[in-house]
PDB file of N, CA and C in Angstrom:
ATOM      1  N   MET A   1    -177.761-184.670  56.063  1.00  0.00           N
ATOM      2  CA  MET A   1    -178.218-183.240  56.936  1.00  0.00           C
ATOM      3  C   MET A   1    -180.121-183.599  57.402  1.00  0.00           C
ATOM      4  N   LYS A   2    -180.540-183.667  56.444  1.00  0.00           N
ATOM      5  CA  LYS A   2    -182.197-183.995  56.696  1.00  0.00           C
ATOM      6  C   LYS A   2    -182.212-184.834  57.913  1.00  0.00           C
ATOM      7  N   GLN A   3    -181.385-186.155  57.889  1.00  0.00           N
ATOM      8  CA  GLN A   3    -181.347-187.122  59.288  1.00  0.00           C
ATOM      9  C   GLN A   3    -180.971-186.367  60.314  1.00  0.00           C
ATOM     10  N   ILE A   4    -179.923-185.402  60.120  1.00  0.00           N
ATOM     11  CA  ILE A   4    -179.807-184.791  61.758  1.00  0.00           C
ATOM     12  C   ILE A   4    -181.085-184.099  62.248  1.00  0.00           C
ATOM     13  N   ILE A   5    -181.302-183.056  61.144  1.00  0.00           N
ATOM     14  CA  ILE A   5    -182.502-182.369  61.387  1.00  0.00           C
ATOM     15  C   ILE A   5    -184.022-183.380  61.810  1.00  0.00           C
ATOM     16  N   PHE A   6    -183.982-183.939  61.449  1.00  0.00           N
ATOM     17  CA  PHE A   6    -185.413-185.234  61.797  1.00  0.00           C
ATOM     18  C   PHE A   6    -184.868-185.617  63.243  1.00  0.00           C
ATOM     19  N   ILE A   7    -183.845-185.965  63.538  1.00  0.00           N
ATOM     20  CA  ILE A   7    -183.469-186.375  64.956  1.00  0.00           C
ATOM     21  C   ILE A   7    -183.472-185.373  65.802  1.00  0.00           C
ATOM     22  N   LEU A   8    -182.883-184.204  65.611  1.00  0.00           N
ATOM     23  CA  LEU A   8    -182.828-182.866  66.381  1.00  0.00           C
ATOM     24  C   LEU A   8    -184.560-182.795  66.889  1.00  0.00           C
ATOM     25  N   LEU A   9    -185.313-182.971  65.698  1.00  0.00           N
ATOM     26  CA  LEU A   9    -186.826-182.416  65.804  1.00  0.00           C
ATOM     27  C   LEU A   9    -187.139-183.465  66.776  1.00  0.00           C
ATOM     28  N   ALA A  10    -186.851-184.449  66.514  1.00  0.00           N
ATOM     29  CA  ALA A  10    -187.662-185.729  67.410  1.00  0.00           C
ATOM     30  C   ALA A  10    -187.290-185.736  68.933  1.00  0.00           C
ATOM     31  N   VAL A  11    -185.865-185.457  69.129  1.00  0.00           N
ATOM     32  CA  VAL A  11    -185.523-185.074  70.422  1.00  0.00           C
ATOM     33  C   VAL A  11    -186.148-184.046  71.130  1.00  0.00           C
ATOM     34  N   VAL A  12    -186.114-182.985  70.563  1.00  0.00           N
ATOM     35  CA  VAL A  12    -186.978-181.356  70.824  1.00  0.00           C
ATOM     36  C   VAL A  12    -188.615-182.180  71.284  1.00  0.00           C
ATOM     37  N   LEU A  13    -189.100-182.698  69.992  1.00  0.00           N
ATOM     38  CA  LEU A  13    -190.680-183.251  70.322  1.00  0.00           C
ATOM     39  C   LEU A  13    -190.884-184.180  71.394  1.00  0.00           C
ATOM     40  N   ALA A  14    -189.510-184.908  71.667  1.00  0.00           N
ATOM     41  CA  ALA A  14    -189.875-186.116  72.825  1.00  0.00           C
ATOM     42  C   ALA A  14    -189.587-185.169  73.678  1.00  0.00           C
ATOM     43  N   THR A  15    -188.756-184.106  74.354  1.00  0.00           N
ATOM     44  CA  THR A  15    -188.621-183.742  75.521  1.00  0.00           C
ATOM     45  C   THR A  15    -189.618-182.654  75.725  1.00  0.00           C
ATOM     46  N   ALA A  16    -190.307-181.853  74.597  1.00  0.00           N
ATOM     47  CA  ALA A  16    -191.495-181.214  74.787  1.00  0.00           C
ATOM     48  C   ALA A  16    -192.997-181.950  75.318  1.00  0.00           C
ATOM     49  N   ASN A  17    -192.873-183.228  74.558  1.00  0.00           N
ATOM     50  CA  ASN A  17    -193.785-183.874  74.924  1.00  0.00           C
ATOM     51  C   ASN A  17    -193.959-184.704  76.310  1.00  0.00           C
ATOM     52  N   SER A  18    -192.790-184.500  76.690  1.00  0.00           N
ATOM     53  CA  SER A  18    -192.603-185.643  77.759  1.00  0.00           C
ATOM     54  C   SER A  18    -193.332-184.337  79.270  1.00  0.00           C
ATOM     55  N   TYR A  19    -193.377-183.538  79.272  1.00  0.00           N
ATOM     56  CA  TYR A  19    -194.049-182.580  80.061  1.00  0.00           C
ATOM     57  C   TYR A  19    -195.620-182.849  79.926  1.00  0.00           C
ATOM     58  N   ALA A  20    -195.968-183.113  78.929  1.00  0.00           N
ATOM     59  CA  ALA A  20    -197.357-183.013  78.594  1.00  0.00           C
ATOM     60  C   ALA A  20    -198.392-184.718  78.546  1.00  0.00           C
ATOM     61  N   GLN A  21    -197.109-185.571  78.222  1.00  0.00           N
ATOM     62  CA  GLN A  21    -197.490-186.837  77.828  1.00  0.00           C
ATOM     63  C   GLN A  21    -196.433-187.617  78.725  1.00  0.00           C
ATOM     64  N   ASP A  22    -196.325-188.884  78.276  1.00  0.00           N
ATOM     65  CA  ASP A  22    -195.723-189.699  79.007  1.00  0.00           C
ATOM     66  C   ASP A  22    -194.535-190.115  78.127  1.00  0.00           C
ATOM     67  N   GLY A  23    -194.410-189.544  76.823  1.00  0.00           N
ATOM     68  CA  GLY A  23    -193.455-189.457  76.076  1.00  0.00           C
ATOM     69  C   GLY A  23    -192.925-190.888  75.415  1.00  0.00           C
ATOM     70  N   ALA A  24    -191.502-191.145  75.325  1.00  0.00           N
ATOM     71  CA  ALA A  24    -190.766-192.188  74.646  1.00  0.00           C
ATOM     72  C   ALA A  24    -190.842-193.247  75.696  1.00  0.00           C
ATOM     73  N   VAL A  25    -191.011-194.378  75.648  1.00  0.00           N
ATOM     74  CA  VAL A  25    -190.585-195.786  76.641  1.00  0.00           C
ATOM     75  C   VAL A  25    -190.042-196.896  76.203  1.00  0.00           C
ATOM     76  N   ILE A  26    -188.849-197.033  76.533  1.00  0.00           N
ATOM     77  CA  ILE A  26    -188.284-198.182  76.014  1.00  0.00           C
ATOM     78  C   ILE A  26    -188.479-199.464  76.622  1.00  0.00           C
ATOM     79  N   GLU A  27    -188.695-200.493  75.486  1.00  0.00           N
ATOM     80  CA  GLU A  27    -189.018-202.056  76.505  1.00  0.00           C
ATOM     81  C   GLU A  27    -187.946-202.992  75.724  1.00  0.00           C
ATOM     82  N   ALA A  28    -187.596-203.595  75.986  1.00  0.00           N
ATOM     83  CA  ALA A  28    -187.090-205.146  75.271  1.00  0.00           C
ATOM     84  C   ALA A  28    -187.845-206.235  75.374  1.00  0.00           C
ATOM     85  N   GLU A  29    -188.025-207.250  74.454  1.00  0.00           N
ATOM     86  CA  GLU A  29    -188.820-208.440  74.628  1.00  0.00           C
ATOM     87  C   GLU A  29    -187.916-208.876  75.779  1.00  0.00           C
ATOM     88  N   LYS A  30    -186.396-209.044  75.463  1.00  0.00           N
ATOM     89  CA  LYS A  30    -185.862-210.127  76.179  1.00  0.00           C
ATOM     90  C   LYS A  30    -184.326-209.416  76.751  1.00  0.00           C
ATOM     91  N   LEU A  31    -184.400-209.117  78.161  1.00  0.00           N
ATOM     92  CA  LEU A  31    -183.245-208.330  78.766  1.00  0.00           C
ATOM     93  C   LEU A  31    -181.705-209.378  78.526  1.00  0.00           C
ATOM     94  N   THR A  32    -181.644-210.471  78.529  1.00  0.00           N
ATOM     95  CA  THR A  32    -180.553-211.382  78.606  1.00  0.00           C
ATOM     96  C   THR A  32    -180.810-212.340  77.899  1.00  0.00           C
ATOM     97  N   HIS A  33    -179.644-212.763  76.932  1.00  0.00           N
ATOM     98  CA  HIS A  33    -179.521-213.791  76.101  1.00  0.00           C
ATOM     99  C   HIS A  33    -178.452-214.519  76.765  1.00  0.00           C
ATOM    100  N   ASP A  34    -178.724-215.795  76.746  1.00  0.00           N
ATOM    101  CA  ASP A  34    -177.256-216.818  77.278  1.00  0.00           C
ATOM    102  C   ASP A  34    -176.882-217.733  75.722  1.00  0.00           C
ATOM    103  N   PHE A  35    -175.548-217.365  75.236  1.00  0.00           N
ATOM    104  CA  PHE A  35    -174.893-218.054  74.187  1.00  0.00           C
ATOM    105  C   PHE A  35    -175.060-219.228  74.149  1.00  0.00           C
ATOM    106  N   GLY A  36    -174.916-219.978  75.886  1.00  0.00           N
ATOM    107  CA  GLY A  36    -174.574-221.255  76.238  1.00  0.00           C
ATOM    108  C   GLY A  36    -173.202-221.616  76.010  1.00  0.00           C
ATOM    109  N   THR A  37    -172.626-222.990  75.708  1.00  0.00           N
ATOM    110  CA  THR A  37    -171.349-222.672  75.798  1.00  0.00           C
ATOM    111  C   THR A  37    -170.820-222.749  74.228  1.00  0.00           C
ATOM    112  N   ILE A  38    -169.997-221.919  73.647  1.00  0.00           N
ATOM    113  CA  ILE A  38    -169.052-221.734  72.500  1.00  0.00           C
ATOM    114  C   ILE A  38    -167.714-221.713  72.765  1.00  0.00           C
ATOM    115  N   ASN A  39    -167.247-222.058  71.306  1.00  0.00           N
ATOM    116  CA  ASN A  39    -165.838-222.757  71.419  1.00  0.00           C
ATOM    117  C   ASN A  39    -165.085-220.983  70.827  1.00  0.00           C
ATOM    118  N   GLU A  40    -164.252-221.172  71.517  1.00  0.00           N
ATOM    119  CA  GLU A  40    -163.377-220.456  71.275  1.00  0.00           C
ATOM    120  C   GLU A  40    -162.810-220.307  69.833  1.00  0.00           C
ATOM    121  N   ALA A  41    -162.379-220.774  69.004  1.00  0.00           N
ATOM    122  CA  ALA A  41    -162.448-221.117  67.619  1.00  0.00           C
ATOM    123  C   ALA A  41    -163.070-221.117  66.839  1.00  0.00           C
ATOM    124  N   ASP A  42    -164.535-220.978  66.969  1.00  0.00           N
ATOM    125  CA  ASP A  42    -165.420-220.310  66.052  1.00  0.00           C
ATOM    126  C   ASP A  42    -165.655-219.115  65.910  1.00  0.00           C
ATOM    127  N   GLY A  43    -164.651-218.346  66.635  1.00  0.00           N
ATOM    128  CA  GLY A  43    -164.880-217.186  66.367  1.00  0.00           C
ATOM    129  C   GLY A  43    -166.111-215.930  67.381  1.00  0.00           C
ATOM    130  N   ASN A  44    -166.414-214.731  66.271  1.00  0.00           N
ATOM    131  CA  ASN A  44    -167.314-214.045  67.020  1.00  0.00           C
ATOM    132  C   ASN A  44    -168.611-214.662  67.110  1.00  0.00           C
ATOM    133  N   VAL A  45    -169.702-214.386  67.916  1.00  0.00           N
ATOM    134  CA  VAL A  45    -171.265-214.518  68.275  1.00  0.00           C
ATOM    135  C   VAL A  45    -171.906-213.336  68.247  1.00  0.00           C
ATOM    136  N   SER A  46    -173.251-213.334  68.113  1.00  0.00           N
ATOM    137  CA  SER A  46    -173.811-212.417  68.271  1.00  0.00           C
ATOM    138  C   SER A  46    -175.262-212.257  68.286  1.00  0.00           C
ATOM    139  N   TYR A  47    -176.065-211.509  68.945  1.00  0.00           N
ATOM    140  CA  TYR A  47    -177.277-211.692  68.916  1.00  0.00           C
ATOM    141  C   TYR A  47    -178.179-210.525  68.757  1.00  0.00           C
ATOM    142  N   SER A  48    -178.927-210.297  68.476  1.00  0.00           N
ATOM    143  CA  SER A  48    -179.768-209.148  67.868  1.00  0.00           C
ATOM    144  C   SER A  48    -180.993-208.852  69.172  1.00  0.00           C
ATOM    145  N   PHE A  49    -180.940-207.994  70.086  1.00  0.00           N
ATOM    146  CA  PHE A  49    -182.034-207.236  71.127  1.00  0.00           C
ATOM    147  C   PHE A  49    -183.114-206.689  70.281  1.00  0.00           C
ATOM    148  N   VAL A  50    -184.136-207.048  70.459  1.00  0.00           N
ATOM    149  CA  VAL A  50    -185.178-206.045  70.012  1.00  0.00           C
ATOM    150  C   VAL A  50    -185.901-205.340  71.067  1.00  0.00           C
ATOM    151  N   VAL A  51    -185.625-203.940  70.803  1.00  0.00           N
ATOM    152  CA  VAL A  51    -186.200-202.977  71.452  1.00  0.00           C
ATOM    153  C   VAL A  51    -187.531-202.496  70.874  1.00  0.00           C
ATOM    154  N   LYS A  52    -188.721-201.682  71.640  1.00  0.00           N
ATOM    155  CA  LYS A  52    -189.654-201.499  71.212  1.00  0.00           C
ATOM    156  C   LYS A  52    -190.337-200.418  72.036  1.00  0.00           C
ATOM    157  N   ASN A  53    -190.547-198.896  71.372  1.00  0.00           N
ATOM    158  CA  ASN A  53    -191.304-197.954  71.937  1.00  0.00           C
ATOM    159  C   ASN A  53    -192.762-198.083  71.771  1.00  0.00           C
ATOM    160  N   THR A  54    -192.962-198.102  73.202  1.00  0.00           N
ATOM    161  CA  THR A  54    -194.271-198.138  73.878  1.00  0.00           C
ATOM    162  C   THR A  54    -194.900-196.726  74.455  1.00  0.00           C
ATOM    163  N   GLY A  55    -194.176-196.000  73.951  1.00  0.00           N
ATOM    164  CA  GLY A  55    -194.669-194.829  74.874  1.00  0.00           C
ATOM    165  C   GLY A  55    -195.413-194.246  73.126  1.00  0.00           C
ATOM    166  N   ASN A  56    -195.441-192.717  73.841  1.00  0.00           N
ATOM    167  CA  ASN A  56    -196.638-192.290  72.239  1.00  0.00           C
ATOM    168  C   ASN A  56    -195.413-190.630  71.938  1.00  0.00           C
ATOM    169  N   ALA A  57    -194.212-190.730  71.978  1.00  0.00           N
ATOM    170  CA  ALA A  57    -193.238-189.822  71.292  1.00  0.00           C
ATOM    171  C   ALA A  57    -192.029-190.564  70.553  1.00  0.00           C
ATOM    172  N   PRO A  58    -191.652-189.937  69.422  1.00  0.00           N
ATOM    173  CA  PRO A  58    -190.211-190.993  68.992  1.00  0.00           C
ATOM    174  C   PRO A  58    -189.225-191.209  70.099  1.00  0.00           C
ATOM    175  N   LEU A  59    -188.846-192.952  69.744  1.00  0.00           N
ATOM    176  CA  LEU A  59    -187.752-193.066  71.095  1.00  0.00           C
ATOM    177  C   LEU A  59    -186.263-192.713  70.215  1.00  0.00           C
ATOM    178  N   VAL A  60    -185.362-192.301  70.980  1.00  0.00           N
ATOM    179  CA  VAL A  60    -184.013-192.179  70.186  1.00  0.00           C
ATOM    180  C   VAL A  60    -183.285-192.719  70.956  1.00  0.00           C
ATOM    181  N   LEU A  61    -182.351-193.598  70.495  1.00  0.00           N
ATOM    182  CA  LEU A  61    -181.642-194.853  71.183  1.00  0.00           C
ATOM    183  C   LEU A  61    -179.699-193.361  70.906  1.00  0.00           C
ATOM    184  N   THR A  62    -179.584-192.790  72.102  1.00  0.00           N
ATOM    185  CA  THR A  62    -178.403-191.795  72.155  1.00  0.00           C
ATOM    186  C   THR A  62    -177.052-192.531  72.215  1.00  0.00           C
ATOM    187  N   ARG A  63    -177.056-193.247  73.088  1.00  0.00           N
ATOM    188  CA  ARG A  63    -175.441-194.043  73.066  1.00  0.00           C
ATOM    189  C   ARG A  63    -176.207-195.652  73.635  1.00  0.00           C
ATOM    190  N   VAL A  64    -175.023-196.181  72.930  1.00  0.00           N
ATOM    191  CA  VAL A  64    -175.478-197.955  73.396  1.00  0.00           C
ATOM    192  C   VAL A  64    -173.614-198.274  74.150  1.00  0.00           C
ATOM    193  N   VAL A  65    -173.589-198.856  75.389  1.00  0.00           N
ATOM    194  CA  VAL A  65    -172.278-198.971  75.632  1.00  0.00           C
ATOM    195  C   VAL A  65    -171.722-200.291  76.237  1.00  0.00           C
ATOM    196  N   ALA A  66    -170.853-200.752  75.559  1.00  0.00           N
ATOM    197  CA  ALA A  66    -170.810-202.255  76.145  1.00  0.00           C
ATOM    198  C   ALA A  66    -169.789-202.373  77.396  1.00  0.00           C
ATOM    199  N   SER A  67    -170.183-202.934  78.231  1.00  0.00           N
ATOM    200  CA  SER A  67    -168.560-203.140  79.610  1.00  0.00           C
ATOM    201  C   SER A  67    -167.634-203.555  79.427  1.00  0.00           C
ATOM    202  N   CYS A  68    -166.887-204.152  77.975  1.00  0.00           N
ATOM    203  CA  CYS A  68    -166.014-204.735  77.856  1.00  0.00           C
ATOM    204  C   CYS A  68    -165.481-204.367  76.443  1.00  0.00           C
ATOM    205  N   GLY A  69    -164.342-204.186  75.949  1.00  0.00           N
ATOM    206  CA  GLY A  69    -164.143-203.944  74.296  1.00  0.00           C
ATOM    207  C   GLY A  69    -164.025-205.160  73.578  1.00  0.00           C
ATOM    208  N   CYS A  70    -164.534-206.300  74.520  1.00  0.00           N
ATOM    209  CA  CYS A  70    -164.670-207.450  73.847  1.00  0.00           C
ATOM    210  C   CYS A  70    -165.859-207.795  72.957  1.00  0.00           C
ATOM    211  N   THR A  71    -166.849-206.432  73.474  1.00  0.00           N
ATOM    212  CA  THR A  71    -168.364-206.826  73.417  1.00  0.00           C
ATOM    213  C   THR A  71    -168.893-205.568  72.307  1.00  0.00           C
ATOM    214  N   THR A  72    -169.234-205.645  71.218  1.00  0.00           N
ATOM    215  CA  THR A  72    -169.638-204.522  70.211  1.00  0.00           C
ATOM    216  C   THR A  72    -170.724-204.395  69.948  1.00  0.00           C
ATOM    217  N   PRO A  73    -171.537-203.279  70.634  1.00  0.00           N
ATOM    218  CA  PRO A  73    -173.018-203.058  69.997  1.00  0.00           C
ATOM    219  C   PRO A  73    -172.959-202.002  68.809  1.00  0.00           C
ATOM    220  N   GLU A  74    -174.227-202.423  68.135  1.00  0.00           N
ATOM    221  CA  GLU A  74    -174.593-201.767  66.843  1.00  0.00           C
ATOM    222  C   GLU A  74    -176.292-201.452  67.248  1.00  0.00           C
ATOM    223  N   TRP A  75    -176.565-199.988  66.645  1.00  0.00           N
ATOM    224  CA  TRP A  75    -178.167-199.989  66.970  1.00  0.00           C
ATOM    225  C   TRP A  75    -178.868-199.418  65.967  1.00  0.00           C
ATOM    226  N   THR A  76    -180.115-199.112  66.032  1.00  0.00           N
ATOM    227  CA  THR A  76    -180.990-198.467  65.118  1.00  0.00           C
ATOM    228  C   THR A  76    -180.211-197.078  65.270  1.00  0.00           C
ATOM    229  N   ARG A  77    -180.156-196.203  64.483  1.00  0.00           N
ATOM    230  CA  ARG A  77    -179.928-194.938  64.381  1.00  0.00           C
ATOM    231  C   ARG A  77    -180.820-193.745  64.472  1.00  0.00           C
ATOM    232  N   GLU A  78    -182.353-194.219  63.777  1.00  0.00           N
ATOM    233  CA  GLU A  78    -182.941-193.502  63.343  1.00  0.00           C
ATOM    234  C   GLU A  78    -183.879-193.581  64.465  1.00  0.00           C
ATOM    235  N   PRO A  79    -184.752-192.365  65.102  1.00  0.00           N
ATOM    236  CA  PRO A  79    -185.997-192.375  65.822  1.00  0.00           C
ATOM    237  C   PRO A  79    -186.980-193.354  65.483  1.00  0.00           C
ATOM    238  N   ILE A  80    -187.384-194.443  66.793  1.00  0.00           N
ATOM    239  CA  ILE A  80    -188.070-195.205  66.883  1.00  0.00           C
ATOM    240  C   ILE A  80    -189.564-194.560  66.925  1.00  0.00           C
ATOM    241  N   ALA A  81    -190.561-195.072  66.623  1.00  0.00           N
ATOM    242  CA  ALA A  81    -191.745-194.078  65.871  1.00  0.00           C
ATOM    243  C   ALA A  81    -192.720-194.947  67.553  1.00  0.00           C
ATOM    244  N   PRO A  82    -193.762-194.197  67.688  1.00  0.00           N
ATOM    245  CA  PRO A  82    -194.247-195.122  68.672  1.00  0.00           C
ATOM    246  C   PRO A  82    -195.063-196.345  68.323  1.00  0.00           C
ATOM    247  N   GLY A  83    -194.834-197.459  69.038  1.00  0.00           N
ATOM    248  CA  GLY A  83    -195.512-198.748  68.511  1.00  0.00           C
ATOM    249  C   GLY A  83    -194.614-199.389  67.774  1.00  0.00           C
ATOM    250  N   GLU A  84    -193.525-199.166  67.289  1.00  0.00           N
ATOM    251  CA  GLU A  84    -192.555-199.550  66.113  1.00  0.00           C
ATOM    252  C   GLU A  84    -191.518-199.972  67.118  1.00  0.00           C
ATOM    253  N   SER A  85    -190.373-200.747  66.337  1.00  0.00           N
ATOM    254  CA  SER A  85    -189.267-201.740  67.126  1.00  0.00           C
ATOM    255  C   SER A  85    -188.066-201.180  66.449  1.00  0.00           C
ATOM    256  N   GLY A  86    -186.990-201.224  67.197  1.00  0.00           N
ATOM    257  CA  GLY A  86    -185.756-201.295  66.781  1.00  0.00           C
ATOM    258  C   GLY A  86    -184.626-202.308  66.996  1.00  0.00           C
ATOM    259  N   GLU A  87    -183.310-202.253  66.951  1.00  0.00           N
ATOM    260  CA  GLU A  87    -182.760-203.713  67.099  1.00  0.00           C
ATOM    261  C   GLU A  87    -181.254-202.971  67.486  1.00  0.00           C
ATOM    262  N   ILE A  88    -180.800-203.715  68.750  1.00  0.00           N
ATOM    263  CA  ILE A  88    -179.422-203.133  69.264  1.00  0.00           C
ATOM    264  C   ILE A  88    -178.703-205.220  68.677  1.00  0.00           C
ATOM    265  N   LYS A  89    -177.938-204.945  67.865  1.00  0.00           N
ATOM    266  CA  LYS A  89    -176.825-205.998  67.854  1.00  0.00           C
ATOM    267  C   LYS A  89    -175.829-205.921  68.635  1.00  0.00           C
ATOM    268  N   VAL A  90    -175.308-207.125  69.321  1.00  0.00           N
ATOM    269  CA  VAL A  90    -174.116-207.272  70.096  1.00  0.00           C
ATOM    270  C   VAL A  90    -173.346-208.311  69.659  1.00  0.00           C
ATOM    271  N   THR A  91    -172.142-208.069  69.324  1.00  0.00           N
ATOM    272  CA  THR A  91    -171.021-209.003  68.941  1.00  0.00           C
ATOM    273  C   THR A  91    -170.002-209.636  70.153  1.00  0.00           C
ATOM    274  N   PHE A  92    -169.871-210.541  70.464  1.00  0.00           N
ATOM    275  CA  PHE A  92    -168.828-211.097  71.448  1.00  0.00           C
ATOM    276  C   PHE A  92    -167.618-211.920  70.988  1.00  0.00           C
ATOM    277  N   ASP A  93    -166.607-211.202  71.007  1.00  0.00           N
ATOM    278  CA  ASP A  93    -165.438-211.989  70.661  1.00  0.00           C
ATOM    279  C   ASP A  93    -164.701-212.796  71.531  1.00  0.00           C
ATOM    280  N   PRO A  94    -164.993-214.194  71.530  1.00  0.00           N
ATOM    281  CA  PRO A  94    -164.555-214.984  72.526  1.00  0.00           C
ATOM    282  C   PRO A  94    -162.902-215.306  72.658  1.00  0.00           C
ATOM    283  N   LYS A  95    -162.108-214.651  71.463  1.00  0.00           N
ATOM    284  CA  LYS A  95    -160.741-215.136  71.310  1.00  0.00           C
ATOM    285  C   LYS A  95    -159.756-214.597  72.459  1.00  0.00           C
ATOM    286  N   ASP A  96    -159.009-215.968  73.023  1.00  0.00           N
ATOM    287  CA  ASP A  96    -157.989-215.583  74.630  1.00  0.00           C
ATOM    288  C   ASP A  96    -159.264-215.108  75.716  1.00  0.00           C
ATOM    289  N   ARG A  97    -160.420-215.435  75.859  1.00  0.00           N
ATOM    290  CA  ARG A  97    -161.469-215.436  77.123  1.00  0.00           C
ATOM    291  C   ARG A  97    -162.135-216.685  77.576  1.00  0.00           C
ATOM    292  N   PRO A  98    -161.285-217.610  77.387  1.00  0.00           N
ATOM    293  CA  PRO A  98    -161.921-219.103  78.222  1.00  0.00           C
ATOM    294  C   PRO A  98    -162.735-218.887  79.326  1.00  0.00           C
ATOM    295  N   GLY A  99    -163.911-219.655  79.783  1.00  0.00           N
ATOM    296  CA  GLY A  99    -164.470-219.531  80.816  1.00  0.00           C
ATOM    297  C   GLY A  99    -165.668-218.839  80.809  1.00  0.00           C
ATOM    298  N   PRO A 100    -166.624-218.675  81.819  1.00  0.00           N
ATOM    299  CA  PRO A 100    -167.876-217.961  81.641  1.00  0.00           C
ATOM    300  C   PRO A 100    -167.708-216.317  81.581  1.00  0.00           C
ATOM    301  N   PHE A 101    -168.649-216.151  81.050  1.00  0.00           N
ATOM    302  CA  PHE A 101    -168.735-214.832  80.714  1.00  0.00           C
ATOM    303  C   PHE A 101    -170.351-213.808  80.791  1.00  0.00           C
ATOM    304  N   ALA A 102    -170.056-212.786  81.294  1.00  0.00           N
ATOM    305  CA  ALA A 102    -170.675-211.801  81.571  1.00  0.00           C
ATOM    306  C   ALA A 102    -170.856-210.510  81.119  1.00  0.00           C
ATOM    307  N   LYS A 103    -171.748-209.958  80.108  1.00  0.00           N
ATOM    308  CA  LYS A 103    -171.093-208.317  79.988  1.00  0.00           C
ATOM    309  C   LYS A 103    -172.862-207.720  79.625  1.00  0.00           C
ATOM    310  N   THR A 104    -172.628-206.863  80.195  1.00  0.00           N
ATOM    311  CA  THR A 104    -173.589-205.967  80.221  1.00  0.00           C
ATOM    312  C   THR A 104    -173.793-204.902  79.228  1.00  0.00           C
ATOM    313  N   ILE A 105    -174.879-204.327  78.612  1.00  0.00           N
ATOM    314  CA  ILE A 105    -174.708-203.425  77.560  1.00  0.00           C
ATOM    315  C   ILE A 105    -175.479-202.123  78.000  1.00  0.00           C
ATOM    316  N   ASN A 106    -175.501-201.063  78.543  1.00  0.00           N
ATOM    317  CA  ASN A 106    -176.155-199.785  78.449  1.00  0.00           C
ATOM    318  C   ASN A 106    -176.344-199.115  77.521  1.00  0.00           C
ATOM    319  N   VAL A 107    -177.825-199.143  77.506  1.00  0.00           N
ATOM    320  CA  VAL A 107    -178.737-198.314  76.337  1.00  0.00           C
ATOM    321  C   VAL A 107    -179.210-197.201  77.381  1.00  0.00           C
ATOM    322  N   TYR A 108    -178.658-195.616  76.578  1.00  0.00           N
ATOM    323  CA  TYR A 108    -179.052-194.592  76.888  1.00  0.00           C
ATOM    324  C   TYR A 108    -179.918-194.124  75.782  1.00  0.00           C
ATOM    325  N   SER A 109    -181.022-193.483  76.209  1.00  0.00           N
ATOM    326  CA  SER A 109    -182.011-192.875  75.286  1.00  0.00           C
ATOM    327  C   SER A 109    -183.266-191.768  75.808  1.00  0.00           C
ATOM    328  N   ASN A 110    -183.862-191.506  74.961  1.00  0.00           N
ATOM    329  CA  ASN A 110    -184.913-190.542  75.711  1.00  0.00           C
ATOM    330  C   ASN A 110    -186.226-191.077  76.388  1.00  0.00           C
ATOM    331  N   GLY A 111    -185.986-192.660  76.558  1.00  0.00           N
ATOM    332  CA  GLY A 111    -187.061-193.333  77.001  1.00  0.00           C
ATOM    333  C   GLY A 111    -187.124-193.989  78.276  1.00  0.00           C
ATOM    334  N   LYS A 112    -186.113-193.538  78.803  1.00  0.00           N
ATOM    335  CA  LYS A 112    -185.944-193.651  80.471  1.00  0.00           C
ATOM    336  C   LYS A 112    -184.571-192.920  81.106  1.00  0.00           C
ATOM    337  N   LYS A 113    -184.855-192.356  82.065  1.00  0.00           N
ATOM    338  CA  LYS A 113    -183.595-191.629  82.825  1.00  0.00           C
ATOM    339  C   LYS A 113    -182.837-192.957  83.286  1.00  0.00           C
ATOM    340  N   GLY A 114    -181.451-192.654  83.192  1.00  0.00           N
ATOM    341  CA  GLY A 114    -180.079-193.372  83.296  1.00  0.00           C
ATOM    342  C   GLY A 114    -180.208-194.338  82.281  1.00  0.00           C
ATOM    343  N   SER A 115    -179.498-195.512  82.358  1.00  0.00           N
ATOM    344  CA  SER A 115    -179.593-196.382  81.324  1.00  0.00           C
ATOM    345  C   SER A 115    -180.512-197.608  81.304  1.00  0.00           C
ATOM    346  N   TYR A 116    -180.821-198.285  80.372  1.00  0.00           N
ATOM    347  CA  TYR A 116    -181.562-199.503  80.354  1.00  0.00           C
ATOM    348  C   TYR A 116    -180.542-200.693  79.948  1.00  0.00           C
ATOM    349  N   ILE A 117    -180.516-201.373  80.868  1.00  0.00           N
ATOM    350  CA  ILE A 117    -179.461-202.578  80.818  1.00  0.00           C
ATOM    351  C   ILE A 117    -179.898-203.830  79.912  1.00  0.00           C
ATOM    352  N   LEU A 118    -178.832-204.486  79.296  1.00  0.00           N
ATOM    353  CA  LEU A 118    -179.146-205.762  78.645  1.00  0.00           C
ATOM    354  C   LEU A 118    -178.007-206.487  78.955  1.00  0.00           C
ATOM    355  N   THR A 119    -177.928-207.686  78.818  1.00  0.00           N
ATOM    356  CA  THR A 119    -176.691-208.684  79.380  1.00  0.00           C
ATOM    357  C   THR A 119    -176.762-210.056  78.228  1.00  0.00           C
ATOM    358  N   ILE A 120    -175.486-210.107  77.763  1.00  0.00           N
ATOM    359  CA  ILE A 120    -175.263-211.354  77.367  1.00  0.00           C
ATOM    360  C   ILE A 120    -174.158-212.313  78.040  1.00  0.00           C
ATOM    361  N   ARG A 121    -174.434-213.517  78.318  1.00  0.00           N
ATOM    362  CA  ARG A 121    -173.733-214.412  79.029  1.00  0.00           C
ATOM    363  C   ARG A 121    -173.480-215.754  78.344  1.00  0.00           C
ATOM    364  N   GLY A 122    -172.791-216.641  78.936  1.00  0.00           N
ATOM    365  CA  GLY A 122    -172.331-217.761  78.269  1.00  0.00           C
ATOM    366  C   GLY A 122    -171.020-218.189  78.890  1.00  0.00           C
ATOM    367  N   GLU A 123    -170.469-219.363  77.901  1.00  0.00           N
ATOM    368  CA  GLU A 123    -168.824-219.809  78.526  1.00  0.00           C
ATOM    369  C   GLU A 123    -168.248-220.307  77.322  1.00  0.00           C
ATOM    370  N   VAL A 124    -166.969-219.958  77.067  1.00  0.00           N
ATOM    371  CA  VAL A 124    -166.557-220.060  76.078  1.00  0.00           C
ATOM    372  C   VAL A 124    -165.391-221.041  76.283  1.00  0.00           C
ATOM    373  N   LYS A 125    -165.490-222.255  75.493  1.00  0.00           N
ATOM    374  CA  LYS A 125    -164.404-223.392  75.758  1.00  0.00           C
ATOM    375  C   LYS A 125    -163.170-223.085  74.852  1.00  0.00           C
ATOM    376  N   LYS A 126    -162.022-223.543  75.172  1.00  0.00           N
ATOM    377  CA  LYS A 126    -160.942-223.341  74.531  1.00  0.00           C
ATOM    378  C   LYS A 126    -160.630-224.318  73.281  1.00  0.00           C
TER     379      LYS A 126
END
């Protein structure tokens, strides 16, 4: 219950601060990760994108959506304080997907209007 109240408070404060200040700002150290060539038989591969709040209000990652069911995102659920970092771990399942792939991950937050887009790519060998 405390966590929900904290998240709601962070969102309200971030919204209120956006009128007087810049608010939360999302940035990633890397926007694209290339897995290179992976073997289908080796199973799932994962990569963790590091996102940083370069703004002056708490950053809340509200929703993270992959472009395909073969890609699963997990992300930092707690508000990210100004100057701090969070993580978006993306796992790709290569089973029955031979050939090149490129998948996008749309990150929705109070740090950018619309989505912030991350990408994974590579090639699956049978």
